[in-house]
Amino acid sequence: MSHYRRWPYPRVLAHRGGGALAPENTVAAIRVGRAHGFHGIEFDAMLAADDVPVLMHDDRLERTTSGRGEVAAHTAAQLAALDAGTWHSRAFAGEPVPTFEAAVRECRAHGTWINIEIKPAPGAAERTGDAVARATARLYADLIRAGGDAPAQIEPRVPLFSSFEWKALAAARAAAPDVPRGFLFDRVPPDWRDELDALGCASLHTNHRHLSRELAVAIKDAGYWLFCYTVDDPARAGELLAWGVDAYCTDRIDLIQPDAWSPDE
């Protein structure tokens, strides 16, 4: 699905909602990102035990919540009862693990665009891709249009799916074919173009630390959008943009300024 349309989304995203300034993947983080002027965010979606999508990066609870064990062993209600804020700072004590729907509604209410990373627990790639895509299709039913995953037809207020998991993106495509997709790589493999084409992806997402100017140019020359994570140095951000990188996310929303963006551009 190569193309040459200009990237239609915000170019600088707050990583996991509010970068380093808030507990990741919470509604509080989304509000912090918005308070710092960010029009776009990235967050992670995983399934709870009852197949309700929630915001979570790790497949275990210990790092970012007061709970223990696997995320997939807890229902959404049980996750909501945990403290997902104190690990960051006292100011966020008691912040719950939000459902995907609650996070999306917060974003939609304030015009915040989302890069949704589908983050399945081990063995749950297809179920997670399907559930997140179906929830997205329902929550954006008023904006999603036929053929909307094609770059020329993209509605810039509709989220972009991304994932490291092939099966998750394939399931998302089957469940919500009109929502655009990007394939995530830590290191871009030699067959990156075949991978993107097979999933009908509009963009390639990668770790900026492993990206070279030559590879960036090749990806852009092939007609794909190029997104990098997680860029925390303003000088490096400038270098990447000079290479043709379309957008990136950052944890340092206190150092890197958001861009001005209108979804009608």
Protein backbone atom coordinates (compact mmCIF):
# COMPACT_ATOMS: atom_id res chain seq x y z
CA MET A 1 0.00 0.00 0.00
CA SER A 2 2.66 2.49 -0.98
CA HIS A 3 1.70 6.13 -1.38
CA TYR A 4 3.06 9.65 -1.31
CA ARG A 5 0.45 11.53 0.70
CA ARG A 6 1.64 13.81 3.48
CA TRP A 7 1.38 12.34 7.01
CA PRO A 8 -2.11 13.48 8.12
CA TYR A 9 -1.70 13.09 11.89
CA PRO A 10 0.14 15.02 14.62
CA ARG A 11 3.90 14.69 14.10
CA VAL A 12 4.87 14.56 17.79
CA LEU A 13 3.02 12.19 20.11
CA ALA A 14 3.12 11.90 23.87
CA HIS A 15 4.31 8.36 24.60
CA ARG A 16 1.84 6.25 26.57
CA GLY A 17 -0.33 9.30 27.14
CA GLY A 18 1.80 11.71 29.12
CA GLY A 19 5.37 10.60 28.61
CA ALA A 20 7.56 10.68 31.71
CA LEU A 21 5.36 13.21 33.49
CA ALA A 22 2.51 10.85 34.41
CA PRO A 23 1.81 7.17 35.09
CA GLU A 24 1.79 5.52 31.68
CA ASN A 25 -1.39 4.28 30.01
CA THR A 26 -3.80 6.05 32.35
CA VAL A 27 -6.47 8.67 31.83
CA ALA A 28 -4.39 10.96 34.02
CA ALA A 29 -1.51 10.58 31.56
CA ILE A 30 -3.77 11.47 28.65
CA ARG A 31 -4.81 14.63 30.50
CA VAL A 32 -1.19 15.54 31.23
CA GLY A 33 -0.29 15.13 27.58
CA ARG A 34 -3.19 17.35 26.61
CA ALA A 35 -2.25 19.94 29.25
CA HIS A 36 1.19 20.17 27.62
CA GLY A 37 -0.37 20.91 24.26
CA PHE A 38 -0.11 17.50 22.63
CA HIS A 39 -2.77 16.80 20.01
CA GLY A 40 -1.75 13.18 19.60
CA ILE A 41 -0.77 10.35 21.93
CA GLU A 42 0.30 6.73 21.77
CA PHE A 43 -0.98 4.11 24.17
CA ASP A 44 -1.04 0.32 24.57
CA ALA A 45 -4.12 -1.91 24.52
CA MET A 46 -4.21 -5.39 26.08
CA LEU A 47 -7.02 -7.79 27.00
CA ALA A 48 -8.22 -8.44 30.53
CA ALA A 49 -9.42 -11.89 31.57
CA ASP A 50 -12.99 -11.08 30.49
CA ASP A 51 -11.77 -9.99 27.02
CA VAL A 52 -12.30 -6.31 27.79
CA PRO A 53 -9.49 -4.21 26.30
CA VAL A 54 -7.61 -2.14 28.89
CA LEU A 55 -4.59 0.16 28.76
CA MET A 56 -1.44 -1.72 29.75
CA HIS A 57 2.05 -2.20 28.36
CA ASP A 58 3.47 -5.11 30.38
CA ASP A 59 1.80 -8.51 30.51
CA ARG A 60 2.42 -8.50 34.27
CA LEU A 61 1.19 -6.00 36.85
CA GLU A 62 4.14 -5.47 39.17
CA ARG A 63 5.95 -2.60 37.43
CA THR A 64 3.08 -0.14 37.08
CA THR A 65 0.35 -1.17 39.51
CA SER A 66 -0.24 -2.30 43.08
CA GLY A 67 -1.22 -5.75 41.81
CA ARG A 68 0.70 -8.93 41.14
CA GLY A 69 0.52 -11.54 38.43
CA GLU A 70 -0.55 -11.55 34.82
CA VAL A 71 -2.85 -8.89 33.41
CA ALA A 72 -4.74 -11.59 31.51
CA ALA A 73 -5.62 -13.33 34.80
CA HIS A 74 -7.62 -10.33 36.05
CA THR A 75 -10.95 -8.95 34.88
CA ALA A 76 -11.26 -5.33 33.83
CA ALA A 77 -13.09 -4.58 37.09
CA GLN A 78 -10.30 -6.16 39.12
CA LEU A 79 -7.70 -4.13 37.22
CA ALA A 80 -9.68 -0.94 37.76
CA ALA A 81 -9.47 -1.52 41.52
CA LEU A 82 -5.66 -1.44 41.46
CA ASP A 83 -3.50 1.62 42.03
CA ALA A 84 -1.74 2.41 38.75
CA GLY A 85 -0.43 5.80 39.80
CA THR A 86 1.60 5.62 43.02
CA TRP A 87 4.55 3.90 41.32
CA HIS A 88 5.05 7.16 39.43
CA SER A 89 4.46 9.68 42.21
CA ARG A 90 2.14 10.49 45.11
CA ALA A 91 0.33 13.03 42.99
CA PHE A 92 -1.23 10.18 41.02
CA ALA A 93 -2.03 7.84 43.92
CA GLY A 94 -5.14 5.79 43.29
CA GLU A 95 -5.20 6.30 39.52
CA PRO A 96 -6.91 3.19 38.11
CA VAL A 97 -6.12 0.99 35.13
CA PRO A 98 -8.59 2.34 32.54
CA THR A 99 -10.60 0.41 30.05
CA PHE A 100 -9.79 1.06 26.42
CA GLU A 101 -13.24 2.55 25.98
CA ALA A 102 -12.79 5.03 28.83
CA ALA A 103 -9.46 6.16 27.38
CA VAL A 104 -10.87 6.56 23.88
CA ARG A 105 -13.84 8.54 25.15
CA GLU A 106 -11.46 10.87 27.00
CA CYS A 107 -9.51 11.40 23.79
CA ARG A 108 -12.54 11.88 21.60
CA ALA A 109 -14.05 14.41 24.01
CA HIS A 110 -10.99 16.64 23.56
CA GLY A 111 -9.99 15.97 19.95
CA THR A 112 -6.88 13.97 20.85
CA TRP A 113 -5.66 11.63 18.11
CA ILE A 114 -4.41 8.15 19.06
CA ASN A 115 -1.84 5.73 17.78
CA ILE A 116 -3.21 2.53 19.32
CA GLU A 117 -0.52 -0.05 19.89
CA ILE A 118 -2.11 -3.49 20.08
CA LYS A 119 -0.09 -5.15 22.84
CA PRO A 120 -1.25 -8.74 23.30
CA ALA A 121 -0.28 -10.94 26.20
CA PRO A 122 1.55 -14.13 25.13
CA GLY A 123 -0.74 -16.38 23.12
CA ALA A 124 -3.49 -13.77 22.75
CA ALA A 125 -2.44 -11.93 19.59
CA GLU A 126 -5.46 -12.74 17.43
CA ARG A 127 -8.02 -12.27 20.22
CA THR A 128 -6.48 -8.94 21.20
CA GLY A 129 -6.28 -7.62 17.66
CA ASP A 130 -9.89 -8.60 17.04
CA ALA A 131 -11.25 -7.14 20.30
CA VAL A 132 -9.35 -3.84 20.05
CA ALA A 133 -10.33 -3.40 16.42
CA ARG A 134 -14.00 -4.12 17.08
CA ALA A 135 -14.05 -1.68 19.99
CA THR A 136 -12.37 0.97 17.85
CA ALA A 137 -14.84 0.44 15.02
CA ARG A 138 -17.71 0.90 17.44
CA LEU A 139 -16.28 3.99 19.15
CA TYR A 140 -15.41 5.69 15.84
CA ALA A 141 -18.37 4.46 13.81
CA ASP A 142 -19.30 8.04 12.92
CA LEU A 143 -15.89 8.72 11.36
CA ILE A 144 -14.72 5.44 9.83
CA ARG A 145 -15.46 5.20 6.14
CA ALA A 146 -15.15 2.48 3.51
CA GLY A 147 -11.59 2.18 2.25
CA GLY A 148 -10.36 4.37 5.09
CA ASP A 149 -7.19 2.35 5.56
CA ALA A 150 -5.93 3.53 2.16
CA PRO A 151 -3.68 6.58 2.58
CA ALA A 152 -5.63 8.66 0.08
CA GLN A 153 -8.88 7.95 1.95
CA ILE A 154 -7.71 8.29 5.56
CA GLU A 155 -9.85 10.32 7.93
CA PRO A 156 -7.23 11.96 10.17
CA ARG A 157 -9.38 11.80 13.32
CA VAL A 158 -9.57 7.99 13.16
CA PRO A 159 -6.80 6.19 15.10
CA LEU A 160 -3.91 4.29 13.56
CA PHE A 161 -3.29 0.73 14.75
CA SER A 162 0.25 -0.51 15.26
CA SER A 163 1.71 -3.70 16.65
CA PHE A 164 4.86 -5.81 16.76
CA GLU A 165 2.60 -8.86 16.39
CA TRP A 166 1.75 -9.97 12.87
CA LYS A 167 -1.28 -12.00 14.00
CA ALA A 168 -2.64 -9.09 16.00
CA LEU A 169 -2.50 -6.71 13.04
CA ALA A 170 -3.97 -9.33 10.72
CA ALA A 171 -6.87 -9.87 13.12
CA ALA A 172 -7.39 -6.13 13.46
CA ARG A 173 -7.47 -5.82 9.69
CA ALA A 174 -10.09 -8.57 9.43
CA ALA A 175 -12.26 -7.03 12.16
CA ALA A 176 -11.91 -3.36 11.17
CA PRO A 177 -10.49 -3.27 7.64
CA ASP A 178 -11.10 0.45 7.22
CA VAL A 179 -8.86 1.53 10.12
CA PRO A 180 -5.26 2.15 8.95
CA ARG A 181 -2.34 0.07 10.20
CA GLY A 182 1.39 0.39 10.86
CA PHE A 183 3.82 -2.46 11.49
CA LEU A 184 6.20 -2.07 14.42
CA PHE A 185 9.81 -3.28 14.32
CA ASP A 186 12.63 -2.89 16.81
CA ARG A 187 15.07 -3.40 13.94
CA VAL A 188 13.70 -3.11 10.43
CA PRO A 189 14.15 -6.50 8.70
CA PRO A 190 15.37 -6.95 5.12
CA ASP A 191 11.89 -8.02 3.97
CA TRP A 192 10.15 -4.98 5.49
CA ARG A 193 8.34 -4.09 2.28
CA ASP A 194 6.86 -7.58 1.90
CA GLU A 195 5.69 -7.43 5.52
CA LEU A 196 3.99 -4.08 5.05
CA ASP A 197 2.35 -5.09 1.80
CA ALA A 198 1.04 -8.36 3.20
CA LEU A 199 -0.81 -6.53 5.97
CA GLY A 200 -1.86 -3.55 3.85
CA CYS A 201 0.05 -1.18 6.12
CA ALA A 202 0.28 2.55 5.50
CA SER A 203 3.27 3.07 7.78
CA LEU A 204 6.37 1.50 9.27
CA HIS A 205 7.15 2.15 12.95
CA THR A 206 10.59 1.52 14.37
CA ASN A 207 13.10 2.18 17.13
CA HIS A 208 15.00 5.30 16.10
CA ARG A 209 18.21 3.91 17.62
CA HIS A 210 18.47 1.32 14.85
CA LEU A 211 17.44 3.59 11.98
CA SER A 212 19.95 4.95 9.47
CA ARG A 213 19.54 7.79 7.01
CA GLU A 214 19.83 5.33 4.13
CA LEU A 215 17.08 3.08 5.46
CA ALA A 216 14.81 6.03 6.23
CA VAL A 217 15.22 7.28 2.67
CA ALA A 218 14.49 3.82 1.26
CA ILE A 219 11.28 3.49 3.27
CA LYS A 220 10.12 6.94 2.28
CA ASP A 221 11.08 6.43 -1.36
CA ALA A 222 8.96 3.28 -1.36
CA GLY A 223 6.00 5.48 -0.43
CA TYR A 224 5.38 4.55 3.19
CA TRP A 225 5.02 6.75 6.23
CA LEU A 226 7.80 6.37 8.79
CA PHE A 227 7.27 6.69 12.53
CA CYS A 228 9.92 6.40 15.27
CA TYR A 229 9.84 5.61 18.97
CA THR A 230 10.86 6.86 21.60
CA VAL A 231 12.75 10.07 20.83
CA ASP A 232 13.71 12.10 23.91
CA ASP A 233 16.51 14.33 22.59
CA PRO A 234 15.46 17.43 20.61
CA ALA A 235 18.61 17.29 18.47
CA ARG A 236 17.96 13.68 17.54
CA ALA A 237 14.35 14.54 16.73
CA GLY A 238 15.55 17.23 14.34
CA GLU A 239 17.95 14.81 12.68
CA LEU A 240 15.24 12.22 12.15
CA LEU A 241 12.88 14.75 10.64
CA ALA A 242 15.65 15.86 8.30
CA TRP A 243 15.96 12.25 7.15
CA GLY A 244 12.29 12.27 6.18
CA VAL A 245 10.80 10.63 9.29
CA ASP A 246 7.16 11.67 9.42
CA ALA A 247 6.48 11.52 13.14
CA TYR A 248 7.68 10.22 16.48
CA CYS A 249 6.64 9.76 20.08
CA THR A 250 8.49 11.07 23.11
CA ASP A 251 8.61 10.64 26.87
CA ARG A 252 10.11 14.10 27.31
CA ILE A 253 7.05 16.20 26.74
CA ASP A 254 8.71 18.76 29.01
CA LEU A 255 11.61 19.17 26.55
CA ILE A 256 10.10 18.53 23.14
CA GLN A 257 7.34 20.80 21.94
CA PRO A 258 4.12 19.48 20.40
CA ASP A 259 3.32 20.51 16.85
CA ALA A 260 0.39 22.60 15.77
CA TRP A 261 -2.14 20.34 14.10
CA SER A 262 -5.61 20.54 12.65
CA PRO A 263 -7.39 17.36 11.53
CA ASP A 264 -8.84 19.32 8.65
CA GLU A 265 -5.44 20.16 7.13
